[in-house]
């Protein structure tokens, strides 16, 4: 997707007015001290957790499957902290869209960036492999501070106004955002030596998918990473965004690129990626996006755990 002029007049209809109000409230949060923003976000998250019963149920099921050793009290506490993390991510979204580079640099630490730079130096493009942590929107902006030519792969929002705001916000900081359905644009960017912000860890049941183990359960996962690497020669560099305690901001942790990758078996490649993600999640389980129905697609003969 290339930059284009957005026709904001299309969103003046009354059905968009509540969203404009919500956006104005989000914009008003941006000047607050970061610690205040985080406290506000946690409060919003606790409220969301009480109101969004269906999402809370999904998170509880996922965590029961993935952390069976926790007792009921510990698991309930983790669900609560997860919704607080979601609330902070909503505030983070406002910072991402309207915050200044100076303020964002003040809350961002970077570790292991040389792993990415050495992969980029080969000129074949890089798939920066990131899991769906709750901070994914703000992390996209933080990455743009350190990787100016990064391309974002994103899922279009169902609401046209929110989609337009998100699209315009990202295009203020990067040259291109690519819909997750546009494989041709991804290949073109990788062949041009670009780095893609790449999140391939959610439930996917299609031609390029396989069931691999995730926290001891079979999870349908895209195998497209192997195909992209084969067709473009791109490297795969894992990265974990870690929200720091005591409202200290974020640390972006870059890991060595995966080698050998791609291997001889795309299923083994995909399992390797899920193993890395699982080890990252265990460092801060409340920060992963558990409200997604990760185990919705099941092997033949198994029923969905969310029924």
Protein backbone atom coordinates (compact mmCIF):
# COMPACT_ATOMS: atom_id res chain seq x y z
CA UNK A 1 0.00 0.00 0.00
CA UNK A 2 1.49 3.31 -1.00
CA UNK A 3 0.76 6.66 0.54
CA UNK A 4 -2.37 8.40 -0.69
CA UNK A 5 -4.49 11.34 0.28
CA UNK A 6 -7.14 10.33 2.81
CA UNK A 7 -10.62 11.71 2.25
CA UNK A 8 -11.53 12.59 5.84
CA UNK A 9 -14.83 14.17 4.77
CA UNK A 10 -16.16 10.63 4.28
CA UNK A 11 -16.22 10.20 8.08
CA UNK A 12 -18.46 13.14 9.00
CA UNK A 13 -21.65 11.06 9.13
CA UNK A 14 -23.32 10.77 12.59
CA UNK A 15 -22.42 7.08 12.88
CA UNK A 16 -18.77 8.11 13.20
CA UNK A 17 -19.33 10.76 15.87
CA UNK A 18 -18.81 8.42 18.88
CA UNK A 19 -15.51 7.32 17.38
CA UNK A 20 -14.42 10.93 16.87
CA UNK A 21 -15.17 11.55 20.55
CA UNK A 22 -13.14 8.49 21.55
CA UNK A 23 -10.26 9.65 19.36
CA UNK A 24 -10.38 13.10 20.96
CA UNK A 25 -10.18 11.50 24.42
CA UNK A 26 -7.23 9.38 23.28
CA UNK A 27 -5.50 12.46 21.89
CA UNK A 28 -5.95 14.26 25.23
CA UNK A 29 -4.05 11.50 27.04
CA UNK A 30 -0.83 12.02 25.06
CA UNK A 31 0.60 15.02 27.04
CA UNK A 32 0.22 13.25 30.42
CA UNK A 33 3.30 11.87 32.21
CA UNK A 34 3.99 8.29 31.14
CA UNK A 35 3.40 6.85 34.64
CA UNK A 36 -0.04 8.50 34.69
CA UNK A 37 -0.80 7.07 31.26
CA UNK A 38 0.08 3.56 32.43
CA UNK A 39 -2.04 3.90 35.58
CA UNK A 40 -4.97 5.09 33.48
CA UNK A 41 -4.46 2.20 31.09
CA UNK A 42 -4.50 -0.38 33.86
CA UNK A 43 -7.76 1.08 35.14
CA UNK A 44 -9.28 0.92 31.66
CA UNK A 45 -8.10 -2.68 31.38
CA UNK A 46 -9.77 -3.71 34.64
CA UNK A 47 -13.02 -2.17 33.39
CA UNK A 48 -12.72 -3.91 30.02
CA UNK A 49 -12.08 -7.19 31.79
CA UNK A 50 -15.34 -6.86 33.70
CA UNK A 51 -17.40 -5.85 30.67
CA UNK A 52 -15.92 -8.07 27.94
CA UNK A 53 -17.06 -11.41 29.39
CA UNK A 54 -16.62 -13.32 26.13
CA UNK A 55 -13.03 -12.16 25.70
CA UNK A 56 -12.32 -12.85 29.37
CA UNK A 57 -13.60 -16.40 28.90
CA UNK A 58 -11.33 -16.92 25.87
CA UNK A 59 -8.32 -15.66 27.83
CA UNK A 60 -9.17 -17.92 30.78
CA UNK A 61 -9.44 -20.98 28.50
CA UNK A 62 -6.15 -20.20 26.75
CA UNK A 63 -4.30 -19.72 30.02
CA UNK A 64 -5.78 -22.89 31.52
CA UNK A 65 -4.50 -24.81 28.49
CA UNK A 66 -1.07 -23.19 28.39
CA UNK A 67 -0.35 -22.94 32.13
CA UNK A 68 -1.99 -26.04 33.66
CA UNK A 69 0.35 -25.97 36.66
CA UNK A 70 -1.16 -22.73 37.96
CA UNK A 71 -3.89 -23.03 40.55
CA UNK A 72 -7.22 -21.25 40.08
CA UNK A 73 -6.19 -18.19 42.11
CA UNK A 74 -2.90 -17.73 40.26
CA UNK A 75 -4.62 -18.14 36.90
CA UNK A 76 -7.33 -15.63 37.80
CA UNK A 77 -4.63 -13.17 38.84
CA UNK A 78 -2.87 -13.70 35.49
CA UNK A 79 -6.12 -13.06 33.61
CA UNK A 80 -6.55 -9.82 35.56
CA UNK A 81 -3.00 -8.69 34.82
CA UNK A 82 -3.52 -9.56 31.19
CA UNK A 83 -6.50 -7.22 30.92
CA UNK A 84 -4.49 -4.50 32.65
CA UNK A 85 -1.86 -5.04 29.93
CA UNK A 86 -4.56 -4.69 27.27
CA UNK A 87 -5.69 -1.44 28.90
CA UNK A 88 -2.16 -0.05 28.82
CA UNK A 89 -1.98 -1.04 25.15
CA UNK A 90 -5.02 1.14 24.42
CA UNK A 91 -3.22 4.12 25.95
CA UNK A 92 -0.07 3.09 24.09
CA UNK A 93 -2.05 3.32 20.87
CA UNK A 94 -2.65 7.02 21.49
CA UNK A 95 1.07 7.53 22.19
CA UNK A 96 1.89 5.65 18.99
CA UNK A 97 -0.42 7.76 16.85
CA UNK A 98 0.30 11.22 18.29
CA UNK A 99 3.34 11.07 20.58
CA UNK A 100 6.59 12.82 19.69
CA UNK A 101 9.78 10.96 18.77
CA UNK A 102 11.53 12.60 21.74
CA UNK A 103 9.05 11.22 24.28
CA UNK A 104 9.06 7.80 22.68
CA UNK A 105 12.84 7.56 22.73
CA UNK A 106 12.70 8.31 26.46
CA UNK A 107 10.66 5.15 27.15
CA UNK A 108 12.44 2.79 24.73
CA UNK A 109 15.48 0.62 25.40
CA UNK A 110 17.04 -1.56 22.69
CA UNK A 111 19.03 -4.76 23.16
CA UNK A 112 20.78 -6.78 20.46
CA UNK A 113 20.08 -4.45 17.53
CA UNK A 114 23.36 -5.63 15.98
CA UNK A 115 21.67 -8.98 15.23
CA UNK A 116 19.25 -7.19 12.95
CA UNK A 117 21.87 -4.91 11.42
CA UNK A 118 24.12 -7.83 10.47
CA UNK A 119 21.19 -9.59 8.77
CA UNK A 120 20.19 -6.40 6.94
CA UNK A 121 23.76 -5.94 5.72
CA UNK A 122 23.42 -9.01 3.50
CA UNK A 123 20.85 -7.14 1.41
CA UNK A 124 18.23 -9.88 1.08
CA UNK A 125 15.60 -8.42 3.36
CA UNK A 126 14.60 -9.42 6.87
CA UNK A 127 11.43 -10.81 8.39
CA UNK A 128 11.45 -9.32 11.88
CA UNK A 129 9.50 -12.03 13.67
CA UNK A 130 7.36 -10.64 16.51
CA UNK A 131 4.54 -12.35 18.40
CA UNK A 132 1.16 -10.79 19.05
CA UNK A 133 2.00 -9.09 22.32
CA UNK A 134 -0.42 -6.48 23.61
CA UNK A 135 2.07 -3.72 22.81
CA UNK A 136 2.24 -4.49 19.08
CA UNK A 137 0.86 -1.10 17.92
CA UNK A 138 3.27 1.04 19.93
CA UNK A 139 6.15 -1.31 19.17
CA UNK A 140 5.63 -0.63 15.47
CA UNK A 141 6.27 3.05 16.13
CA UNK A 142 9.24 2.35 18.43
CA UNK A 143 10.82 0.19 15.74
CA UNK A 144 10.53 3.04 13.22
CA UNK A 145 12.85 5.11 15.44
CA UNK A 146 15.64 2.57 15.01
CA UNK A 147 14.82 1.06 11.59
CA UNK A 148 13.81 4.01 9.38
CA UNK A 149 13.05 1.90 6.29
CA UNK A 150 10.99 -0.76 8.06
CA UNK A 151 7.72 -1.84 6.43
CA UNK A 152 4.70 -2.71 8.54
CA UNK A 153 2.43 -5.64 7.75
CA UNK A 154 -0.98 -4.97 9.24
CA UNK A 155 -4.53 -6.26 9.35
CA UNK A 156 -7.16 -3.82 8.11
CA UNK A 157 -9.51 -2.69 10.88
CA UNK A 158 -13.21 -3.46 10.42
CA UNK A 159 -14.15 0.15 11.22
CA UNK A 160 -13.22 2.40 8.26
CA UNK A 161 -12.48 5.48 10.41
CA UNK A 162 -10.18 3.65 12.84
CA UNK A 163 -8.50 1.97 9.87
CA UNK A 164 -7.90 5.36 8.21
CA UNK A 165 -6.50 6.93 11.42
CA UNK A 166 -4.19 3.97 12.00
CA UNK A 167 -3.04 3.96 8.38
CA UNK A 168 -2.34 7.70 8.36
CA UNK A 169 -0.51 7.53 11.69
CA UNK A 170 1.88 4.83 10.50
CA UNK A 171 2.53 6.54 7.18
CA UNK A 172 3.80 9.60 9.06
CA UNK A 173 6.75 7.47 10.20
CA UNK A 174 7.37 4.82 7.50
CA UNK A 175 7.31 4.76 3.72
CA UNK A 176 4.89 1.86 3.34
CA UNK A 177 2.35 -0.26 5.20
CA UNK A 178 1.36 -3.58 3.66
CA UNK A 179 -1.95 -5.40 4.21
CA UNK A 180 -1.38 -8.92 5.52
CA UNK A 181 -3.15 -10.32 2.45
CA UNK A 182 -0.73 -8.69 -0.03
CA UNK A 183 1.95 -11.36 -0.44
CA UNK A 184 3.20 -9.79 -3.66
CA UNK A 185 4.03 -6.52 -1.85
CA UNK A 186 5.84 -8.43 0.90
CA UNK A 187 7.99 -10.26 -1.64
CA UNK A 188 8.76 -7.02 -3.48
CA UNK A 189 9.85 -5.31 -0.25
CA UNK A 190 12.03 -8.24 0.82
CA UNK A 191 13.70 -8.47 -2.59
CA UNK A 192 14.47 -4.75 -2.27
CA UNK A 193 16.33 -5.51 0.97
CA UNK A 194 13.70 -4.11 3.36
CA UNK A 195 12.81 -5.27 6.85
CA UNK A 196 9.21 -6.29 7.50
CA UNK A 197 7.47 -6.15 10.90
CA UNK A 198 6.06 -9.67 10.70
CA UNK A 199 3.55 -11.34 13.05
CA UNK A 200 2.71 -14.90 11.90
CA UNK A 201 1.66 -16.50 15.19
CA UNK A 202 -2.15 -16.38 15.26
CA UNK A 203 -4.63 -19.11 14.32
CA UNK A 204 -4.50 -19.71 10.57
CA UNK A 205 -6.19 -22.56 8.72
CA UNK A 206 -5.46 -22.43 5.03
CA UNK A 207 -3.34 -23.92 2.28
CA UNK A 208 -0.06 -22.69 3.80
CA UNK A 209 -0.66 -23.95 7.35
CA UNK A 210 0.27 -26.80 9.64
CA UNK A 211 -0.49 -27.96 13.14
CA UNK A 212 2.51 -27.47 15.43
CA UNK A 213 2.90 -27.64 19.18
CA UNK A 214 2.29 -24.46 21.17
CA UNK A 215 2.42 -24.84 24.94
CA UNK A 216 1.85 -28.56 24.45
CA UNK A 217 -1.26 -28.21 22.27
CA UNK A 218 -1.68 -28.45 18.52
CA UNK A 219 -2.12 -24.96 17.03
CA UNK A 220 -2.83 -24.28 13.36
CA UNK A 221 -0.10 -21.91 12.18
CA UNK A 222 0.94 -20.37 8.87
CA UNK A 223 3.96 -21.90 7.14
CA UNK A 224 4.27 -18.91 4.78
CA UNK A 225 7.43 -17.74 6.56
CA UNK A 226 9.40 -20.57 4.96
CA UNK A 227 7.98 -19.77 1.53
CA UNK A 228 8.82 -16.06 1.84
CA UNK A 229 12.37 -16.85 2.93
CA UNK A 230 12.85 -19.33 0.07
CA UNK A 231 11.54 -16.95 -2.59
CA UNK A 232 13.48 -13.88 -1.43
CA UNK A 233 16.52 -15.11 0.50
CA UNK A 234 15.30 -13.12 3.51
CA UNK A 235 16.62 -13.76 7.01
CA UNK A 236 14.30 -14.30 9.97
CA UNK A 237 15.24 -12.33 13.11
CA UNK A 238 13.11 -12.88 16.25
CA UNK A 239 12.36 -9.86 18.43
CA UNK A 240 10.53 -9.60 21.76
CA UNK A 241 8.90 -6.38 22.99
CA UNK A 242 9.01 -6.37 26.79
CA UNK A 243 6.99 -3.87 28.81
CA UNK A 244 9.20 -3.04 31.79
CA UNK A 245 8.06 -3.02 35.43
CA UNK A 246 7.46 0.18 37.39
CA UNK A 247 6.28 2.01 34.25
CA UNK A 248 9.85 2.24 32.99
CA UNK A 249 8.84 1.86 29.33
CA UNK A 250 9.79 -0.85 26.85
CA UNK A 251 12.80 -2.95 25.92
CA UNK A 252 13.02 -4.26 22.35
CA UNK A 253 15.08 -7.45 22.49
CA UNK A 254 16.52 -8.63 19.16
CA UNK A 255 17.75 -12.23 18.94
CA UNK A 256 20.21 -13.82 16.50
CA UNK A 257 18.71 -14.69 13.14
CA UNK A 258 17.43 -18.22 12.71
CA UNK A 259 20.00 -20.54 11.17
CA UNK A 260 19.65 -22.62 9.14
CA UNK A 261 16.44 -21.08 7.85
CA UNK A 262 14.64 -22.14 5.84
CA UNK A 263 15.37 -25.77 6.64
CA UNK A 264 14.37 -28.84 4.72
CA UNK A 265 10.92 -29.03 6.33
CA UNK A 266 8.51 -26.09 6.57
CA UNK A 267 6.68 -27.73 9.48
CA UNK A 268 9.95 -28.00 11.42
CA UNK A 269 10.67 -24.35 10.58
CA UNK A 270 7.26 -23.32 11.92
CA UNK A 271 7.74 -25.41 15.07
CA UNK A 272 11.08 -23.69 15.68
CA UNK A 273 9.40 -20.29 15.48
CA UNK A 274 6.65 -21.33 17.90
CA UNK A 275 9.24 -22.70 20.34
CA UNK A 276 11.01 -19.33 20.35
CA UNK A 277 7.75 -17.47 20.85
CA UNK A 278 6.75 -19.76 23.72
CA UNK A 279 10.05 -19.08 25.50
CA UNK A 280 9.46 -15.34 25.08
CA UNK A 281 5.90 -15.50 26.40
CA UNK A 282 7.04 -17.29 29.55
CA UNK A 283 9.11 -14.20 30.45
CA UNK A 284 5.97 -12.02 30.67
CA UNK A 285 2.85 -14.14 30.07
CA UNK A 286 0.43 -11.32 30.89
CA UNK A 287 1.73 -9.33 27.92
CA UNK A 288 0.76 -11.85 25.22
CA UNK A 289 -2.61 -11.50 23.46
CA UNK A 290 -4.59 -14.30 25.12
CA UNK A 291 -8.01 -12.95 24.07
CA UNK A 292 -7.35 -14.36 20.58
CA UNK A 293 -8.80 -17.84 19.98
CA UNK A 294 -5.42 -19.38 19.24
CA UNK A 295 -6.69 -22.97 19.34
CA UNK A 296 -9.89 -22.44 17.35
CA UNK A 297 -8.79 -24.62 14.40
CA UNK A 298 -8.44 -28.24 15.48
CA UNK A 299 -7.07 -31.43 13.98
CA UNK A 300 -9.72 -33.71 12.50
CA UNK A 301 -11.87 -35.24 15.19
CA UNK A 302 -11.12 -32.60 17.87
CA UNK A 303 -13.64 -29.98 18.95
CA UNK A 304 -12.86 -26.34 19.64
CA UNK A 305 -12.12 -25.61 23.33
CA UNK A 306 -14.13 -22.39 23.05
CA UNK A 307 -17.52 -24.05 22.46
